[in-house]
Structure formats: C-alpha cells, structure tokens
Amino acid sequence: MIALASNALTTLETVKALLPDAENSPSGEKLDGLLTLLINAASAWVETMTGRQLALQAYTERHAASGSQELLVNQYPIIGVEYIRDLQGGLVPPEEYDFADTAEQGIIYKESCWPYRGYVSGLANDYTASARYLEIRYTAGYVLPKDATEEQPRTLPYDLESLVWGIVGQEYMLHCSGAQGLSAFSISDVSWTFDKTPRQEWLDTIRRYMRW
C-alpha cells in the first residue's frame, strides 16, 4: 500500500469525499494508491512553488546577522525557539528576543539588534564576508490535516490544502478519461479541451505564501 508522504497537505479520505463519481475510475486499493500518489505529487509541487517546508517540524540553522533588530530564519510561521547560541559567546538569553509579533514572517526580534560580524581583508580592513555565528534551534510550520489531534488541531490554511484538492481532481479526471497525453479531443461535432495548466487562482494562492 502506498503511504502518504510526510509533507502531504491533505488526506486520502478528504480527497475521496470531494471527487465526483467517474465511470472508468479504478476501485479499492488501486484507487487509493492512485490518489495517494497524486496527493504526494501535488503537495510536493505546492512546497516547491512556495519555497517552504509547510509541516510543523524542528530546524537547526546557522545565520549571519545583518546588524538590524530583525533576524530572518528560513521557515515560518515560527512556533517556538528552543535556543539561540552565539558560537563565539554562548547562549543568547531568551528574554533578549521575541517573535510574538513577527512569527508569521519568520522573524526573531531583538531590541538591542543582532550585531553584524564578518571577516576583514585588504589594507582598509573592509568586510569581505559575513560570519554565520548564530545557531538557532526552532520549530516552525503548520499542523497538517493528517497529523491533527484533539490536543493539537490542524493549523494548515484551508486555501493551501485546497490547492492539492484541485490538482488531484484535475489529474484524476485526466487519468479516468485516458487524456493524460492530450490537450484536446474531438469526434464528429463534439469536442473536449482538457485543462492541464495551473489555474490562475492556484498561482495567486501560491504567491500569498511565498517569501518575497
């Protein structure tokens, strides 16, 4: 049995409930396997397009500071920060930073700023490269529908999940019609055109969750 990927953004049960009946559809385990593959592929496409990993998980990263009050981590929304370590000076006290107002942007704020450090060279001792001296261990992302419990409900936005519904539905209907390799088909005075390109509303949703 094909399993949902760890980053699957919807569940097999939800997709099956949303799909219309198709005359030539497979049944049972074959149907479940097909839909699971489509869910996994669609979820991977969404993550690739947004440039993010969406499932709630822990990350350990090293960052250079820009000298400003805002430190930008790679993943978001930030759910918690386990520690921030200055590799040249030990742990940064938690009371010196917060992310309460900037978690959705993946920003950790420090009133006294994150000082820039770098490597100097040349006669003028100009900075030629920044030093990644901050090690950050944090948790970020959404609780996916397949991982949700009563104690930890889903937090994945529904518009992101609906992208997978749409993609799976489109690919499933193409599969059932045998039109995977066709863009259009006609016989006598009847013709069909198959929609195989990402819909504009899908791309608009993707843009809302990309970091610019």
C-alpha atoms as a PDB file:
ATOM      1  CA  MET A   1       0.000   0.000   0.000  1.00  0.00           C
ATOM      2  CA  ILE A   2       1.340   3.413  -0.970  1.00  0.00           C
ATOM      3  CA  ALA A   3       1.629   5.722   2.036  1.00  0.00           C
ATOM      4  CA  LEU A   4       1.066   9.452   2.279  1.00  0.00           C
ATOM      5  CA  ALA A   5       4.302  11.421   2.294  1.00  0.00           C
ATOM      6  CA  SER A   6       5.306  13.228   5.477  1.00  0.00           C
ATOM      7  CA  ASN A   7       4.556  16.549   3.761  1.00  0.00           C
ATOM      8  CA  ALA A   8       1.140  15.532   2.356  1.00  0.00           C
ATOM      9  CA  LEU A   9      -1.146  18.547   2.677  1.00  0.00           C
ATOM     10  CA  THR A  10      -4.459  16.690   2.720  1.00  0.00           C
ATOM     11  CA  THR A  11      -5.803  13.239   3.494  1.00  0.00           C
ATOM     12  CA  LEU A  12      -6.962  10.396   1.292  1.00  0.00           C
ATOM     13  CA  GLU A  13     -10.386  10.410   2.952  1.00  0.00           C
ATOM     14  CA  THR A  14     -10.919  14.100   2.211  1.00  0.00           C
ATOM     15  CA  VAL A  15      -9.938  13.762  -1.436  1.00  0.00           C
ATOM     16  CA  LYS A  16     -12.198  10.735  -1.956  1.00  0.00           C
ATOM     17  CA  ALA A  17     -15.121  12.641  -0.451  1.00  0.00           C
ATOM     18  CA  LEU A  18     -14.556  15.543  -2.866  1.00  0.00           C
ATOM     19  CA  LEU A  19     -14.110  13.562  -6.090  1.00  0.00           C
ATOM     20  CA  PRO A  20     -17.102  13.111  -8.388  1.00  0.00           C
ATOM     21  CA  ASP A  21     -18.009   9.590  -9.472  1.00  0.00           C
ATOM     22  CA  ALA A  22     -16.144   8.618 -12.623  1.00  0.00           C
ATOM     23  CA  GLU A  23     -17.425   5.844 -14.886  1.00  0.00           C
ATOM     24  CA  ASN A  24     -13.984   4.464 -15.664  1.00  0.00           C
ATOM     25  CA  SER A  25     -12.446   5.005 -12.242  1.00  0.00           C
ATOM     26  CA  PRO A  26     -10.434   2.227 -10.592  1.00  0.00           C
ATOM     27  CA  SER A  27     -11.685   0.901  -7.299  1.00  0.00           C
ATOM     28  CA  GLY A  28     -10.447  -0.222  -3.923  1.00  0.00           C
ATOM     29  CA  GLU A  29      -6.723  -0.408  -3.293  1.00  0.00           C
ATOM     30  CA  LYS A  30      -5.889   0.660  -6.837  1.00  0.00           C
ATOM     31  CA  LEU A  31      -7.907   3.862  -6.438  1.00  0.00           C
ATOM     32  CA  ASP A  32      -6.362   4.593  -3.037  1.00  0.00           C
ATOM     33  CA  GLY A  33      -2.872   4.086  -4.436  1.00  0.00           C
ATOM     34  CA  LEU A  34      -3.504   6.403  -7.381  1.00  0.00           C
ATOM     35  CA  LEU A  35      -4.979   9.157  -5.229  1.00  0.00           C
ATOM     36  CA  THR A  36      -2.174   8.858  -2.678  1.00  0.00           C
ATOM     37  CA  LEU A  37       0.432   9.272  -5.413  1.00  0.00           C
ATOM     38  CA  LEU A  38      -1.393  12.335  -6.721  1.00  0.00           C
ATOM     39  CA  ILE A  39      -1.651  13.840  -3.223  1.00  0.00           C
ATOM     40  CA  ASN A  40       2.077  13.344  -2.651  1.00  0.00           C
ATOM     41  CA  ALA A  41       2.976  14.858  -6.016  1.00  0.00           C
ATOM     42  CA  ALA A  42       0.628  17.832  -5.606  1.00  0.00           C
ATOM     43  CA  SER A  43       1.894  18.526  -2.076  1.00  0.00           C
ATOM     44  CA  ALA A  44       5.500  18.478  -3.278  1.00  0.00           C
ATOM     45  CA  TRP A  45       4.566  20.907  -6.080  1.00  0.00           C
ATOM     46  CA  VAL A  46       2.980  23.335  -3.605  1.00  0.00           C
ATOM     47  CA  GLU A  47       6.056  23.269  -1.372  1.00  0.00           C
ATOM     48  CA  THR A  48       8.380  23.747  -4.346  1.00  0.00           C
ATOM     49  CA  MET A  49       6.362  26.685  -5.620  1.00  0.00           C
ATOM     50  CA  THR A  50       6.174  28.405  -2.233  1.00  0.00           C
ATOM     51  CA  GLY A  51       9.816  27.668  -1.449  1.00  0.00           C
ATOM     52  CA  ARG A  52       8.816  26.479   2.008  1.00  0.00           C
ATOM     53  CA  GLN A  53       8.515  23.326   4.087  1.00  0.00           C
ATOM     54  CA  LEU A  54       4.994  23.538   5.453  1.00  0.00           C
ATOM     55  CA  ALA A  55       4.748  20.721   8.015  1.00  0.00           C
ATOM     56  CA  LEU A  56       5.418  21.560  11.645  1.00  0.00           C
ATOM     57  CA  GLN A  57       8.949  20.442  12.490  1.00  0.00           C
ATOM     58  CA  ALA A  58      12.166  21.469  14.214  1.00  0.00           C
ATOM     59  CA  TYR A  59      15.092  23.126  12.456  1.00  0.00           C
ATOM     60  CA  THR A  60      18.669  23.897  13.386  1.00  0.00           C
ATOM     61  CA  GLU A  61      20.214  26.657  11.290  1.00  0.00           C
ATOM     62  CA  ARG A  62      23.223  28.947  11.304  1.00  0.00           C
ATOM     63  CA  HIS A  63      22.753  32.573  10.381  1.00  0.00           C
ATOM     64  CA  ALA A  64      24.747  35.730   9.881  1.00  0.00           C
ATOM     65  CA  ALA A  65      23.254  38.851  11.451  1.00  0.00           C
ATOM     66  CA  SER A  66      22.740  41.992   9.388  1.00  0.00           C
ATOM     67  CA  GLY A  67      23.194  44.447  12.259  1.00  0.00           C
ATOM     68  CA  SER A  68      19.453  45.135  12.456  1.00  0.00           C
ATOM     69  CA  GLN A  69      16.836  44.208  15.059  1.00  0.00           C
ATOM     70  CA  GLU A  70      15.331  41.516  12.839  1.00  0.00           C
ATOM     71  CA  LEU A  71      16.795  38.070  12.297  1.00  0.00           C
ATOM     72  CA  LEU A  72      15.195  36.171   9.419  1.00  0.00           C
ATOM     73  CA  VAL A  73      15.043  32.367   9.662  1.00  0.00           C
ATOM     74  CA  ASN A  74      14.315  30.062   6.739  1.00  0.00           C
ATOM     75  CA  GLN A  75      10.967  28.593   7.776  1.00  0.00           C
ATOM     76  CA  TYR A  76       7.766  30.097   9.164  1.00  0.00           C
ATOM     77  CA  PRO A  77       5.436  30.602  10.946  1.00  0.00           C
ATOM     78  CA  ILE A  78       7.683  30.291  13.987  1.00  0.00           C
ATOM     79  CA  ILE A  79       6.003  28.294  16.744  1.00  0.00           C
ATOM     80  CA  GLY A  80       8.811  28.188  19.292  1.00  0.00           C
ATOM     81  CA  VAL A  81      12.515  28.866  19.757  1.00  0.00           C
ATOM     82  CA  GLU A  82      14.462  26.285  21.747  1.00  0.00           C
ATOM     83  CA  TYR A  83      17.677  28.293  21.822  1.00  0.00           C
ATOM     84  CA  ILE A  84      19.825  30.812  20.018  1.00  0.00           C
ATOM     85  CA  ARG A  85      23.533  30.273  20.518  1.00  0.00           C
ATOM     86  CA  ASP A  86      26.255  32.792  19.788  1.00  0.00           C
ATOM     87  CA  LEU A  87      29.017  30.437  18.676  1.00  0.00           C
ATOM     88  CA  GLN A  88      31.566  32.939  19.962  1.00  0.00           C
ATOM     89  CA  GLY A  89      29.870  33.790  23.222  1.00  0.00           C
ATOM     90  CA  GLY A  90      27.341  31.195  24.406  1.00  0.00           C
ATOM     91  CA  LEU A  91      23.552  31.157  24.639  1.00  0.00           C
ATOM     92  CA  VAL A  92      21.604  34.330  23.977  1.00  0.00           C
ATOM     93  CA  PRO A  93      19.209  34.857  26.925  1.00  0.00           C
ATOM     94  CA  PRO A  94      15.597  34.248  25.804  1.00  0.00           C
ATOM     95  CA  GLU A  95      14.447  37.472  27.447  1.00  0.00           C
ATOM     96  CA  GLU A  96      16.558  39.420  24.939  1.00  0.00           C
ATOM     97  CA  TYR A  97      14.496  38.385  21.908  1.00  0.00           C
ATOM     98  CA  ASP A  98      10.930  37.548  20.935  1.00  0.00           C
ATOM     99  CA  PHE A  99       8.839  36.620  17.910  1.00  0.00           C
ATOM    100  CA  ALA A 100       5.311  37.257  19.161  1.00  0.00           C
ATOM    101  CA  ASP A 101       4.555  39.901  16.511  1.00  0.00           C
ATOM    102  CA  THR A 102       6.797  38.590  13.731  1.00  0.00           C
ATOM    103  CA  ALA A 103       6.313  34.798  13.780  1.00  0.00           C
ATOM    104  CA  GLU A 104       4.253  34.779  10.574  1.00  0.00           C
ATOM    105  CA  GLN A 105       7.163  36.396   8.726  1.00  0.00           C
ATOM    106  CA  GLY A 106       9.812  34.105  10.220  1.00  0.00           C
ATOM    107  CA  ILE A 107      11.490  36.964  12.078  1.00  0.00           C
ATOM    108  CA  ILE A 108      13.056  36.907  15.540  1.00  0.00           C
ATOM    109  CA  TYR A 109      13.226  40.415  17.011  1.00  0.00           C
ATOM    110  CA  LYS A 110      15.950  41.728  19.343  1.00  0.00           C
ATOM    111  CA  GLU A 111      15.632  45.245  20.722  1.00  0.00           C
ATOM    112  CA  SER A 112      19.382  45.775  21.028  1.00  0.00           C
ATOM    113  CA  CYS A 113      19.891  44.368  17.484  1.00  0.00           C
ATOM    114  CA  TRP A 114      21.730  41.335  16.174  1.00  0.00           C
ATOM    115  CA  PRO A 115      25.275  42.666  15.701  1.00  0.00           C
ATOM    116  CA  TYR A 116      26.963  42.110  12.361  1.00  0.00           C
ATOM    117  CA  ARG A 117      30.210  40.156  12.408  1.00  0.00           C
ATOM    118  CA  GLY A 118      32.379  39.351   9.466  1.00  0.00           C
ATOM    119  CA  TYR A 119      35.819  38.767   8.034  1.00  0.00           C
ATOM    120  CA  VAL A 120      38.053  41.630   7.045  1.00  0.00           C
ATOM    121  CA  SER A 121      40.818  41.817   4.458  1.00  0.00           C
ATOM    122  CA  GLY A 122      42.806  44.302   2.445  1.00  0.00           C
ATOM    123  CA  LEU A 123      44.639  47.431   3.510  1.00  0.00           C
ATOM    124  CA  ALA A 124      41.438  49.103   4.689  1.00  0.00           C
ATOM    125  CA  ASN A 125      40.255  46.077   6.664  1.00  0.00           C
ATOM    126  CA  ASP A 126      36.936  46.110   4.830  1.00  0.00           C
ATOM    127  CA  TYR A 127      34.419  43.349   5.493  1.00  0.00           C
ATOM    128  CA  THR A 128      34.572  40.776   2.715  1.00  0.00           C
ATOM    129  CA  ALA A 129      32.268  38.098   4.138  1.00  0.00           C
ATOM    130  CA  SER A 130      29.751  37.790   6.956  1.00  0.00           C
ATOM    131  CA  ALA A 131      30.155  35.298   9.777  1.00  0.00           C
ATOM    132  CA  ARG A 132      27.380  32.788  10.442  1.00  0.00           C
ATOM    133  CA  TYR A 133      27.892  32.929  14.181  1.00  0.00           C
ATOM    134  CA  LEU A 134      24.294  32.414  15.342  1.00  0.00           C
ATOM    135  CA  GLU A 135      22.991  28.871  15.730  1.00  0.00           C
ATOM    136  CA  ILE A 136      19.214  28.710  16.072  1.00  0.00           C
ATOM    137  CA  ARG A 137      17.070  25.749  17.067  1.00  0.00           C
ATOM    138  CA  TYR A 138      13.399  26.466  16.483  1.00  0.00           C
ATOM    139  CA  THR A 139      10.073  24.941  15.494  1.00  0.00           C
ATOM    140  CA  ALA A 140       8.065  26.247  12.565  1.00  0.00           C
ATOM    141  CA  GLY A 141       5.282  25.277  10.208  1.00  0.00           C
ATOM    142  CA  TYR A 142       1.688  24.083  10.288  1.00  0.00           C
ATOM    143  CA  VAL A 143      -0.025  21.071  11.808  1.00  0.00           C
ATOM    144  CA  LEU A 144      -1.115  19.164   8.711  1.00  0.00           C
ATOM    145  CA  PRO A 145      -4.596  17.582   8.486  1.00  0.00           C
ATOM    146  CA  LYS A 146      -3.186  14.045   8.632  1.00  0.00           C
ATOM    147  CA  ASP A 147      -1.264  14.871  11.831  1.00  0.00           C
ATOM    148  CA  ALA A 148      -4.036  16.726  13.659  1.00  0.00           C
ATOM    149  CA  THR A 149      -5.361  15.520  17.012  1.00  0.00           C
ATOM    150  CA  GLU A 150      -7.840  16.907  19.532  1.00  0.00           C
ATOM    151  CA  GLU A 151      -4.924  18.207  21.571  1.00  0.00           C
ATOM    152  CA  GLN A 152      -3.163  19.647  18.528  1.00  0.00           C
ATOM    153  CA  PRO A 153      -5.709  20.702  15.860  1.00  0.00           C
ATOM    154  CA  ARG A 154      -4.755  21.354  12.258  1.00  0.00           C
ATOM    155  CA  THR A 155      -3.351  24.817  11.527  1.00  0.00           C
ATOM    156  CA  LEU A 156      -2.655  24.475   7.798  1.00  0.00           C
ATOM    157  CA  PRO A 157      -4.641  27.215   5.999  1.00  0.00           C
ATOM    158  CA  TYR A 158      -7.531  25.771   4.026  1.00  0.00           C
ATOM    159  CA  ASP A 159      -6.608  27.675   0.874  1.00  0.00           C
ATOM    160  CA  LEU A 160      -3.264  25.844   0.783  1.00  0.00           C
ATOM    161  CA  GLU A 161      -4.975  22.487   1.265  1.00  0.00           C
ATOM    162  CA  SER A 162      -7.483  23.338  -1.478  1.00  0.00           C
ATOM    163  CA  LEU A 163      -4.623  23.627  -3.974  1.00  0.00           C
ATOM    164  CA  VAL A 164      -3.985  19.912  -3.531  1.00  0.00           C
ATOM    165  CA  TRP A 165      -7.703  19.148  -3.893  1.00  0.00           C
ATOM    166  CA  GLY A 166      -7.783  20.989  -7.202  1.00  0.00           C
ATOM    167  CA  ILE A 167      -4.614  19.456  -8.605  1.00  0.00           C
ATOM    168  CA  VAL A 168      -5.565  15.918  -7.597  1.00  0.00           C
ATOM    169  CA  GLY A 169      -9.071  16.358  -9.021  1.00  0.00           C
ATOM    170  CA  GLN A 170      -7.721  17.621 -12.330  1.00  0.00           C
ATOM    171  CA  GLU A 171      -5.146  14.853 -12.692  1.00  0.00           C
ATOM    172  CA  TYR A 172      -7.613  12.195 -11.574  1.00  0.00           C
ATOM    173  CA  MET A 173     -10.172  13.166 -14.209  1.00  0.00           C
ATOM    174  CA  LEU A 174      -7.480  13.167 -16.893  1.00  0.00           C
ATOM    175  CA  HIS A 175      -6.463   9.682 -15.791  1.00  0.00           C
ATOM    176  CA  CYS A 176     -10.023   8.382 -15.863  1.00  0.00           C
ATOM    177  CA  SER A 177     -10.676   9.864 -19.296  1.00  0.00           C
ATOM    178  CA  GLY A 178      -7.431   8.497 -20.721  1.00  0.00           C
ATOM    179  CA  ALA A 179      -6.437  12.017 -21.740  1.00  0.00           C
ATOM    180  CA  GLN A 180      -3.082  12.303 -19.987  1.00  0.00           C
ATOM    181  CA  GLY A 181      -1.255  12.952 -23.253  1.00  0.00           C
ATOM    182  CA  LEU A 182      -3.943  15.038 -24.939  1.00  0.00           C
ATOM    183  CA  SER A 183      -4.704  18.749 -24.780  1.00  0.00           C
ATOM    184  CA  ALA A 184      -7.886  18.464 -26.863  1.00  0.00           C
ATOM    185  CA  PHE A 185     -10.046  15.798 -28.496  1.00  0.00           C
ATOM    186  CA  SER A 186     -12.911  15.949 -30.975  1.00  0.00           C
ATOM    187  CA  ILE A 187     -15.202  13.491 -32.714  1.00  0.00           C
ATOM    188  CA  SER A 188     -17.953  14.460 -35.111  1.00  0.00           C
ATOM    189  CA  ASP A 189     -19.368  17.757 -33.820  1.00  0.00           C
ATOM    190  CA  VAL A 190     -18.343  17.190 -30.174  1.00  0.00           C
ATOM    191  CA  SER A 191     -15.030  18.380 -28.774  1.00  0.00           C
ATOM    192  CA  TRP A 192     -13.312  18.483 -25.396  1.00  0.00           C
ATOM    193  CA  THR A 193     -10.459  20.667 -24.203  1.00  0.00           C
ATOM    194  CA  PHE A 194      -8.538  19.457 -21.157  1.00  0.00           C
ATOM    195  CA  ASP A 195      -7.239  21.933 -18.572  1.00  0.00           C
ATOM    196  CA  LYS A 196      -3.668  20.868 -17.779  1.00  0.00           C
ATOM    197  CA  THR A 197      -2.110  24.169 -16.749  1.00  0.00           C
ATOM    198  CA  PRO A 198      -2.059  25.588 -13.209  1.00  0.00           C
ATOM    199  CA  ARG A 199      -5.132  27.726 -12.726  1.00  0.00           C
ATOM    200  CA  GLN A 200      -4.646  31.422 -12.056  1.00  0.00           C
ATOM    201  CA  GLU A 201      -6.334  31.172  -8.658  1.00  0.00           C
ATOM    202  CA  TRP A 202      -3.846  28.456  -7.688  1.00  0.00           C
ATOM    203  CA  LEU A 203      -0.929  30.693  -8.620  1.00  0.00           C
ATOM    204  CA  ASP A 204      -2.500  33.626  -6.759  1.00  0.00           C
ATOM    205  CA  THR A 205      -2.725  31.490  -3.616  1.00  0.00           C
ATOM    206  CA  ILE A 206       0.865  30.326  -4.035  1.00  0.00           C
ATOM    207  CA  ARG A 207       2.051  33.925  -4.226  1.00  0.00           C
ATOM    208  CA  ARG A 208       0.388  34.768  -0.921  1.00  0.00           C
ATOM    209  CA  TYR A 209       2.518  32.163   0.834  1.00  0.00           C
ATOM    210  CA  MET A 210       5.831  32.897  -0.851  1.00  0.00           C
ATOM    211  CA  ARG A 211       8.521  34.957   0.835  1.00  0.00           C
ATOM    212  CA  TRP A 212       9.461  37.923  -1.302  1.00  0.00           C
END
